[in-house]
Amino acid sequence: MNIKDIVANGVIIGMSGVLLWHFLNIWRFEQYLVGEPNIIIRSLETAGLVFILLFGIGKYISDLKRETRKRDLERDGSQ
């Protein structure tokens, strides 16, 4: 995994986490400072952010597993 993959995974996870926090505060305090007053659209946005967050975490884990397998194969091949 190179620095580009780490940054991309970090951006996906970070941005979705921040936006999810924002929407959860809208749900909690029921204030529409910068948000969607329509509950159906807000629900879809929140569900989409949860999906993006899970996608980012899953991609990060799969990248780590791929790097671990790659490193193990290189180590086994050199011995």
Protein backbone atom coordinates (compact mmCIF):
# COMPACT_ATOMS: atom_id res chain seq x y z
CA MET A 1 0.00 0.00 0.00
CA ASN A 2 1.52 3.29 -1.04
CA ILE A 3 0.93 6.76 0.32
CA LYS A 4 -1.73 7.46 -2.34
CA ASP A 5 -3.85 4.54 -1.08
CA ILE A 6 -3.41 5.61 2.53
CA VAL A 7 -4.47 9.19 1.76
CA ALA A 8 -7.44 8.06 -0.36
CA ASN A 9 -8.67 5.70 2.34
CA GLY A 10 -8.17 8.37 4.98
CA VAL A 11 -10.13 10.94 2.98
CA ILE A 12 -13.02 8.54 2.40
CA ILE A 13 -13.20 7.52 6.05
CA GLY A 14 -12.61 11.04 7.39
CA MET A 15 -15.09 12.87 5.18
CA SER A 16 -17.85 10.35 5.68
CA GLY A 17 -17.20 10.37 9.43
CA VAL A 18 -17.40 14.15 9.62
CA LEU A 19 -20.55 14.34 7.53
CA LEU A 20 -22.13 11.47 9.47
CA TRP A 21 -21.37 13.32 12.72
CA HIS A 22 -23.06 16.39 11.27
CA PHE A 23 -26.19 14.47 10.29
CA LEU A 24 -26.33 12.64 13.62
CA ASN A 25 -26.31 16.01 15.38
CA ILE A 26 -29.20 17.14 13.18
CA TRP A 27 -31.10 13.99 14.19
CA ARG A 28 -30.21 14.47 17.86
CA PHE A 29 -30.93 18.18 18.28
CA GLU A 30 -33.48 18.49 15.46
CA GLN A 31 -31.94 21.71 14.23
CA TYR A 32 -31.62 22.41 10.55
CA LEU A 33 -28.70 24.81 10.58
CA VAL A 34 -27.17 23.42 7.40
CA GLY A 35 -29.20 20.40 6.54
CA GLU A 36 -32.18 18.91 4.83
CA PRO A 37 -35.57 19.52 6.50
CA ASN A 38 -37.22 16.70 4.52
CA ILE A 39 -36.95 13.56 6.68
CA ILE A 40 -36.96 11.14 3.72
CA ILE A 41 -34.09 12.87 1.97
CA ARG A 42 -32.19 13.27 5.26
CA SER A 43 -32.65 9.55 5.96
CA LEU A 44 -31.27 8.68 2.52
CA GLU A 45 -28.32 11.02 3.02
CA THR A 46 -27.55 9.51 6.41
CA ALA A 47 -27.81 5.95 5.08
CA GLY A 48 -25.56 6.91 2.15
CA LEU A 49 -22.94 8.31 4.51
CA VAL A 50 -23.01 5.13 6.60
CA PHE A 51 -22.52 3.13 3.40
CA ILE A 52 -19.60 5.34 2.31
CA LEU A 53 -18.00 5.03 5.75
CA LEU A 54 -18.33 1.23 5.70
CA PHE A 55 -16.99 1.15 2.13
CA GLY A 56 -13.95 3.22 3.15
CA ILE A 57 -13.21 1.04 6.16
CA GLY A 58 -13.67 -2.13 4.10
CA LYS A 59 -11.35 -0.81 1.38
CA TYR A 60 -8.73 0.10 3.96
CA ILE A 61 -8.89 -3.36 5.54
CA SER A 62 -8.68 -5.11 2.16
CA ASP A 63 -5.67 -2.96 1.22
CA LEU A 64 -3.96 -3.90 4.47
CA LYS A 65 -4.67 -7.60 3.91
CA ARG A 66 -3.35 -7.39 0.35
CA GLU A 67 -0.14 -5.76 1.55
CA THR A 68 0.27 -8.36 4.28
CA ARG A 69 -0.14 -11.22 1.78
CA LYS A 70 2.25 -9.53 -0.62
CA ARG A 71 4.85 -9.09 2.12
CA ASP A 72 4.41 -12.70 3.27
CA LEU A 73 4.86 -14.00 -0.26
CA GLU A 74 8.00 -11.92 -0.73
CA ARG A 75 9.39 -13.14 2.58
CA ASP A 76 8.59 -16.79 1.81
CA GLY A 77 10.08 -16.49 -1.66
CA SER A 78 13.35 -15.08 -0.38
CA GLN A 79 13.89 -17.83 2.19
